[in-house]
Protein backbone atom coordinates (compact mmCIF):
# COMPACT_ATOMS: atom_id res chain seq x y z
CA MET A 1 -39.74 -39.27 48.40
CA THR A 2 -36.50 -39.11 46.46
CA ARG A 3 -33.03 -39.31 47.93
CA TRP A 4 -29.63 -39.33 46.24
CA ARG A 5 -26.57 -41.13 47.56
CA ILE A 6 -23.63 -38.78 46.90
CA ASP A 7 -19.88 -39.24 47.31
CA PRO A 8 -18.99 -36.47 49.82
CA GLU A 9 -15.56 -35.84 48.30
CA THR A 10 -16.31 -35.83 44.57
CA GLN A 11 -20.05 -34.97 44.67
CA GLN A 12 -20.60 -37.84 42.21
CA VAL A 13 -23.97 -39.60 42.18
CA LEU A 14 -23.60 -43.12 43.62
CA GLY A 15 -27.21 -44.23 44.04
CA CYS A 16 -30.81 -43.14 44.36
CA GLY A 17 -33.85 -44.16 46.38
CA ILE A 18 -37.33 -43.34 45.10
CA VAL A 19 -40.55 -44.20 46.93
CA GLY A 20 -44.12 -43.41 45.99
CA PRO A 21 -46.79 -43.98 43.37
CA GLY A 22 -45.21 -43.68 39.93
CA ALA A 23 -41.69 -44.13 41.30
CA GLY A 24 -40.85 -46.39 38.38
CA ASP A 25 -41.02 -43.48 35.93
CA PRO A 26 -37.95 -41.48 37.05
CA VAL A 27 -35.84 -44.59 37.74
CA SER A 28 -34.42 -44.52 34.22
CA GLU A 29 -33.07 -41.01 34.77
CA ALA A 30 -31.49 -42.05 38.07
CA VAL A 31 -29.87 -45.09 36.44
CA LEU A 32 -28.50 -42.94 33.63
CA ALA A 33 -27.05 -40.40 36.09
CA ILE A 34 -25.35 -43.18 38.06
CA GLU A 35 -24.02 -44.99 35.00
CA MET A 36 -22.61 -41.84 33.39
CA GLY A 37 -20.93 -40.74 36.62
CA ALA A 38 -22.95 -37.53 36.89
CA HIS A 39 -22.27 -35.00 39.61
CA VAL A 40 -25.09 -33.84 41.86
CA ARG A 41 -24.86 -30.26 40.53
CA GLY A 42 -25.48 -31.54 36.99
CA VAL A 43 -28.67 -33.26 38.11
CA ALA A 44 -29.81 -30.19 40.05
CA GLU A 45 -29.23 -27.87 37.09
CA SER A 46 -30.92 -30.14 34.51
CA VAL A 47 -34.31 -29.01 33.28
CA HIS A 48 -37.15 -31.18 34.57
CA PRO A 49 -40.78 -30.71 33.49
CA HIS A 50 -43.27 -29.47 36.06
CA PRO A 51 -45.41 -30.98 37.48
CA THR A 52 -43.87 -34.42 37.18
CA PHE A 53 -42.41 -37.01 39.49
CA SER A 54 -39.05 -36.69 37.70
CA GLU A 55 -38.56 -33.17 39.03
CA THR A 56 -38.12 -34.67 42.51
CA LEU A 57 -34.71 -35.87 41.27
CA ALA A 58 -33.62 -32.28 40.66
CA GLY A 59 -35.23 -31.17 43.92
CA ALA A 60 -33.38 -33.78 45.95
CA ALA A 61 -30.11 -32.79 44.28
CA ALA A 62 -30.79 -29.11 45.00
CA ALA A 63 -31.58 -29.98 48.63
CA HIS A 64 -28.23 -31.77 48.90
CA LEU A 65 -26.50 -28.62 47.64
CA GLY A 66 -28.51 -26.38 49.97
CA LEU A 67 -30.20 -24.68 47.00
CA ALA A 68 -33.74 -26.07 47.27
CA THR A 69 -36.34 -23.32 47.18
CA GLY A 70 -39.26 -25.52 48.22
CA ILE A 71 -37.96 -26.44 51.68
CA TYR A 72 -38.82 -24.30 54.68
CA ARG A 73 -35.80 -23.45 56.77
CA PRO A 74 -36.39 -21.21 59.76
CA ARG A 75 -33.95 -18.36 60.22
CA ARG A 76 -31.09 -19.00 62.55
CA ALA A 77 -30.76 -16.85 65.66
CA ARG A 78 -27.86 -14.45 65.35
């Protein structure tokens, strides 16, 4: 599981939580994003290799933006 901590006003990356086997691998990318003051859209739009654990960083950013394609969302009743 990967979760970003995002400033709601600026959309800047403030922190990241990563849990699971191999979680140590994408930590360096998360640290870099935090240190450089990256915005969540920049992380979401960065190319991540598939299948790798690091692509969960982009997926979590896309989920924050409401752009994740791998999350089932039932249609809302109209």
